[in-house]
Amino acid sequence: MLQKHPVNPHRIRRITRSFGWVDHRLVREGKISACSHPAAALYLFLITVADARGLSYYSDASLQKRLCMDHDTLCRARNQLIGNDLVAFKAPIYQVLPLDPPAPAPKQRTGDAPQALGHIFKTIMERAND
């Protein structure tokens, strides 16, 4: 196994109070490979500035200036991140989404429960009599 040593041992990064993280699954699951360079730059910016719930509210003008993007490039990058299920957006709020797939919606209860139980009981009784 390769032994890793810092290139500059006097400048080891320390985790601070304002530290954020980048989930390794971005690389392992190929999610970052599915992004254009502008989309990856926007995603990096958003995960860096987002609060603990993944929320940030930079305006398009501010993002364009900070990322050196024109409006059309920013819109394409944002739409790509939305399409790849990495962010949600409702102006002016961006939400960085977890990489886990969304939880399935809870099933609606139906009025068929008594009928289903009756069917199960009937099936058990028929099998017991065989």
C-alpha atoms as a PDB file:
ATOM      1  CA  MET A   1       0.000   0.000   0.000  1.00  0.00           C
ATOM      2  CA  LEU A   2       1.273   3.468  -0.850  1.00  0.00           C
ATOM      3  CA  GLN A   3       2.510   5.445   2.139  1.00  0.00           C
ATOM      4  CA  LYS A   4       1.148   8.979   1.963  1.00  0.00           C
ATOM      5  CA  HIS A   5       3.175  11.849   3.366  1.00  0.00           C
ATOM      6  CA  PRO A   6       2.313  15.549   3.254  1.00  0.00           C
ATOM      7  CA  VAL A   7       4.072  17.478   0.526  1.00  0.00           C
ATOM      8  CA  ASN A   8       4.314  20.444   2.897  1.00  0.00           C
ATOM      9  CA  PRO A   9       4.281  19.108   6.481  1.00  0.00           C
ATOM     10  CA  HIS A  10       4.250  22.637   7.913  1.00  0.00           C
ATOM     11  CA  ARG A  11       0.881  23.336   6.326  1.00  0.00           C
ATOM     12  CA  ILE A  12      -1.372  20.455   7.381  1.00  0.00           C
ATOM     13  CA  ARG A  13      -5.037  21.321   7.043  1.00  0.00           C
ATOM     14  CA  ARG A  14      -6.993  21.348  10.295  1.00  0.00           C
ATOM     15  CA  ILE A  15     -10.727  20.956  10.602  1.00  0.00           C
ATOM     16  CA  THR A  16     -12.144  24.219  11.923  1.00  0.00           C
ATOM     17  CA  ARG A  17     -15.566  25.200  13.187  1.00  0.00           C
ATOM     18  CA  SER A  18     -16.601  26.436   9.762  1.00  0.00           C
ATOM     19  CA  PHE A  19     -15.436  23.287   7.994  1.00  0.00           C
ATOM     20  CA  GLY A  20     -17.679  21.654   5.394  1.00  0.00           C
ATOM     21  CA  TRP A  21     -17.148  18.335   3.707  1.00  0.00           C
ATOM     22  CA  VAL A  22     -17.309  16.798   0.272  1.00  0.00           C
ATOM     23  CA  ASP A  23     -18.863  13.348   0.167  1.00  0.00           C
ATOM     24  CA  HIS A  24     -16.542  10.769  -1.438  1.00  0.00           C
ATOM     25  CA  ARG A  25     -19.539   9.230  -3.192  1.00  0.00           C
ATOM     26  CA  LEU A  26     -19.357  12.141  -5.639  1.00  0.00           C
ATOM     27  CA  VAL A  27     -16.358  10.369  -7.139  1.00  0.00           C
ATOM     28  CA  ARG A  28     -17.068   6.729  -6.245  1.00  0.00           C
ATOM     29  CA  GLU A  29     -20.590   6.799  -7.679  1.00  0.00           C
ATOM     30  CA  GLY A  30     -19.615   8.929 -10.695  1.00  0.00           C
ATOM     31  CA  LYS A  31     -21.873  11.851  -9.804  1.00  0.00           C
ATOM     32  CA  ILE A  32     -19.144  14.441 -10.391  1.00  0.00           C
ATOM     33  CA  SER A  33     -18.264  12.831 -13.746  1.00  0.00           C
ATOM     34  CA  ALA A  34     -21.802  13.566 -14.888  1.00  0.00           C
ATOM     35  CA  CYS A  35     -21.233  17.313 -14.357  1.00  0.00           C
ATOM     36  CA  SER A  36     -19.796  19.840 -16.770  1.00  0.00           C
ATOM     37  CA  HIS A  37     -16.966  22.031 -15.498  1.00  0.00           C
ATOM     38  CA  PRO A  38     -19.319  24.973 -14.831  1.00  0.00           C
ATOM     39  CA  ALA A  39     -21.742  22.677 -12.946  1.00  0.00           C
ATOM     40  CA  ALA A  40     -18.876  21.222 -10.876  1.00  0.00           C
ATOM     41  CA  ALA A  41     -17.631  24.753 -10.079  1.00  0.00           C
ATOM     42  CA  LEU A  42     -21.113  25.852  -9.021  1.00  0.00           C
ATOM     43  CA  TYR A  43     -21.520  22.722  -6.889  1.00  0.00           C
ATOM     44  CA  LEU A  44     -18.163  23.276  -5.185  1.00  0.00           C
ATOM     45  CA  PHE A  45     -19.138  26.866  -4.416  1.00  0.00           C
ATOM     46  CA  LEU A  46     -22.559  25.855  -3.068  1.00  0.00           C
ATOM     47  CA  ILE A  47     -21.242  23.094  -0.802  1.00  0.00           C
ATOM     48  CA  THR A  48     -18.635  25.510   0.517  1.00  0.00           C
ATOM     49  CA  VAL A  49     -21.039  28.319   1.419  1.00  0.00           C
ATOM     50  CA  ALA A  50     -24.093  26.270   2.440  1.00  0.00           C
ATOM     51  CA  ASP A  51     -25.254  26.180   6.035  1.00  0.00           C
ATOM     52  CA  ALA A  52     -25.752  22.952   8.022  1.00  0.00           C
ATOM     53  CA  ARG A  53     -29.025  22.264   6.180  1.00  0.00           C
ATOM     54  CA  GLY A  54     -27.383  22.787   2.783  1.00  0.00           C
ATOM     55  CA  LEU A  55     -29.004  26.178   2.193  1.00  0.00           C
ATOM     56  CA  SER A  56     -27.487  29.273   0.604  1.00  0.00           C
ATOM     57  CA  TYR A  57     -28.899  32.290  -1.170  1.00  0.00           C
ATOM     58  CA  TYR A  58     -26.354  33.852  -3.509  1.00  0.00           C
ATOM     59  CA  SER A  59     -27.923  35.853  -6.317  1.00  0.00           C
ATOM     60  CA  ASP A  60     -27.301  34.990  -9.952  1.00  0.00           C
ATOM     61  CA  ALA A  61     -25.304  38.211 -10.351  1.00  0.00           C
ATOM     62  CA  SER A  62     -23.076  37.350  -7.398  1.00  0.00           C
ATOM     63  CA  LEU A  63     -22.543  33.761  -8.577  1.00  0.00           C
ATOM     64  CA  GLN A  64     -21.751  34.936 -12.101  1.00  0.00           C
ATOM     65  CA  LYS A  65     -19.138  37.342 -10.755  1.00  0.00           C
ATOM     66  CA  ARG A  66     -17.556  34.891  -8.286  1.00  0.00           C
ATOM     67  CA  LEU A  67     -17.487  31.991 -10.762  1.00  0.00           C
ATOM     68  CA  CYS A  68     -16.661  34.045 -13.897  1.00  0.00           C
ATOM     69  CA  MET A  69     -19.754  32.740 -15.694  1.00  0.00           C
ATOM     70  CA  ASP A  70     -22.232  34.440 -17.940  1.00  0.00           C
ATOM     71  CA  HIS A  71     -25.945  34.113 -17.183  1.00  0.00           C
ATOM     72  CA  ASP A  72     -26.623  31.327 -19.704  1.00  0.00           C
ATOM     73  CA  THR A  73     -23.701  29.228 -18.423  1.00  0.00           C
ATOM     74  CA  LEU A  74     -24.880  29.648 -14.834  1.00  0.00           C
ATOM     75  CA  CYS A  75     -28.432  28.616 -15.765  1.00  0.00           C
ATOM     76  CA  ARG A  76     -27.174  25.525 -17.631  1.00  0.00           C
ATOM     77  CA  ALA A  77     -24.929  24.583 -14.695  1.00  0.00           C
ATOM     78  CA  ARG A  78     -27.783  25.018 -12.197  1.00  0.00           C
ATOM     79  CA  ASN A  79     -30.172  22.990 -14.368  1.00  0.00           C
ATOM     80  CA  GLN A  80     -27.585  20.227 -14.691  1.00  0.00           C
ATOM     81  CA  LEU A  81     -27.154  20.042 -10.900  1.00  0.00           C
ATOM     82  CA  ILE A  82     -30.929  19.962 -10.478  1.00  0.00           C
ATOM     83  CA  GLY A  83     -31.240  17.251 -13.149  1.00  0.00           C
ATOM     84  CA  ASN A  84     -28.518  15.207 -11.450  1.00  0.00           C
ATOM     85  CA  ASP A  85     -30.405  15.512  -8.139  1.00  0.00           C
ATOM     86  CA  LEU A  86     -27.501  17.323  -6.460  1.00  0.00           C
ATOM     87  CA  VAL A  87     -29.284  20.596  -5.674  1.00  0.00           C
ATOM     88  CA  ALA A  88     -32.781  21.985  -5.440  1.00  0.00           C
ATOM     89  CA  PHE A  89     -33.472  25.603  -6.333  1.00  0.00           C
ATOM     90  CA  LYS A  90     -36.312  27.993  -5.702  1.00  0.00           C
ATOM     91  CA  ALA A  91     -35.113  31.559  -6.248  1.00  0.00           C
ATOM     92  CA  PRO A  92     -33.218  32.820  -4.355  1.00  0.00           C
ATOM     93  CA  ILE A  93     -32.567  29.665  -2.271  1.00  0.00           C
ATOM     94  CA  TYR A  94     -30.235  26.857  -3.261  1.00  0.00           C
ATOM     95  CA  GLN A  95     -30.373  23.618  -1.297  1.00  0.00           C
ATOM     96  CA  VAL A  96     -27.521  21.137  -1.591  1.00  0.00           C
ATOM     97  CA  LEU A  97     -29.210  17.736  -1.441  1.00  0.00           C
ATOM     98  CA  PRO A  98     -27.905  14.614   0.275  1.00  0.00           C
ATOM     99  CA  LEU A  99     -26.468  12.008  -2.084  1.00  0.00           C
ATOM    100  CA  ASP A 100     -28.738   9.329  -0.633  1.00  0.00           C
ATOM    101  CA  PRO A 101     -31.787   8.637  -2.798  1.00  0.00           C
ATOM    102  CA  PRO A 102     -34.987  10.208  -1.495  1.00  0.00           C
ATOM    103  CA  ALA A 103     -36.949   8.069   0.942  1.00  0.00           C
ATOM    104  CA  PRO A 104     -40.014   6.449  -0.624  1.00  0.00           C
ATOM    105  CA  ALA A 105     -43.266   8.237   0.054  1.00  0.00           C
ATOM    106  CA  PRO A 106     -45.323   6.583   2.785  1.00  0.00           C
ATOM    107  CA  LYS A 107     -48.058   4.351   1.417  1.00  0.00           C
ATOM    108  CA  GLN A 108     -51.585   5.608   1.719  1.00  0.00           C
ATOM    109  CA  ARG A 109     -53.727   3.571   4.058  1.00  0.00           C
ATOM    110  CA  THR A 110     -56.717   2.082   2.375  1.00  0.00           C
ATOM    111  CA  GLY A 111     -59.954   0.810   3.760  1.00  0.00           C
ATOM    112  CA  ASP A 112     -59.016  -2.683   2.550  1.00  0.00           C
ATOM    113  CA  ALA A 113     -57.182  -3.728   5.723  1.00  0.00           C
ATOM    114  CA  PRO A 114     -60.086  -5.732   7.196  1.00  0.00           C
ATOM    115  CA  GLN A 115     -60.650  -7.449   3.845  1.00  0.00           C
ATOM    116  CA  ALA A 116     -56.929  -8.241   3.531  1.00  0.00           C
ATOM    117  CA  LEU A 117     -56.876  -9.736   7.037  1.00  0.00           C
ATOM    118  CA  GLY A 118     -59.961 -11.756   6.226  1.00  0.00           C
ATOM    119  CA  HIS A 119     -58.278 -13.075   3.071  1.00  0.00           C
ATOM    120  CA  ILE A 120     -55.139 -14.017   5.009  1.00  0.00           C
ATOM    121  CA  PHE A 121     -57.185 -15.803   7.674  1.00  0.00           C
ATOM    122  CA  LYS A 122     -59.187 -17.672   5.016  1.00  0.00           C
ATOM    123  CA  THR A 123     -55.951 -18.752   3.252  1.00  0.00           C
ATOM    124  CA  ILE A 124     -54.444 -19.994   6.534  1.00  0.00           C
ATOM    125  CA  MET A 125     -57.580 -21.966   7.359  1.00  0.00           C
ATOM    126  CA  GLU A 126     -57.735 -23.530   3.868  1.00  0.00           C
ATOM    127  CA  ARG A 127     -54.093 -24.618   4.113  1.00  0.00           C
ATOM    128  CA  ALA A 128     -54.618 -26.015   7.608  1.00  0.00           C
ATOM    129  CA  ASN A 129     -57.477 -28.174   6.334  1.00  0.00           C
ATOM    130  CA  ASP A 130     -55.396 -29.617   3.471  1.00  0.00           C
END
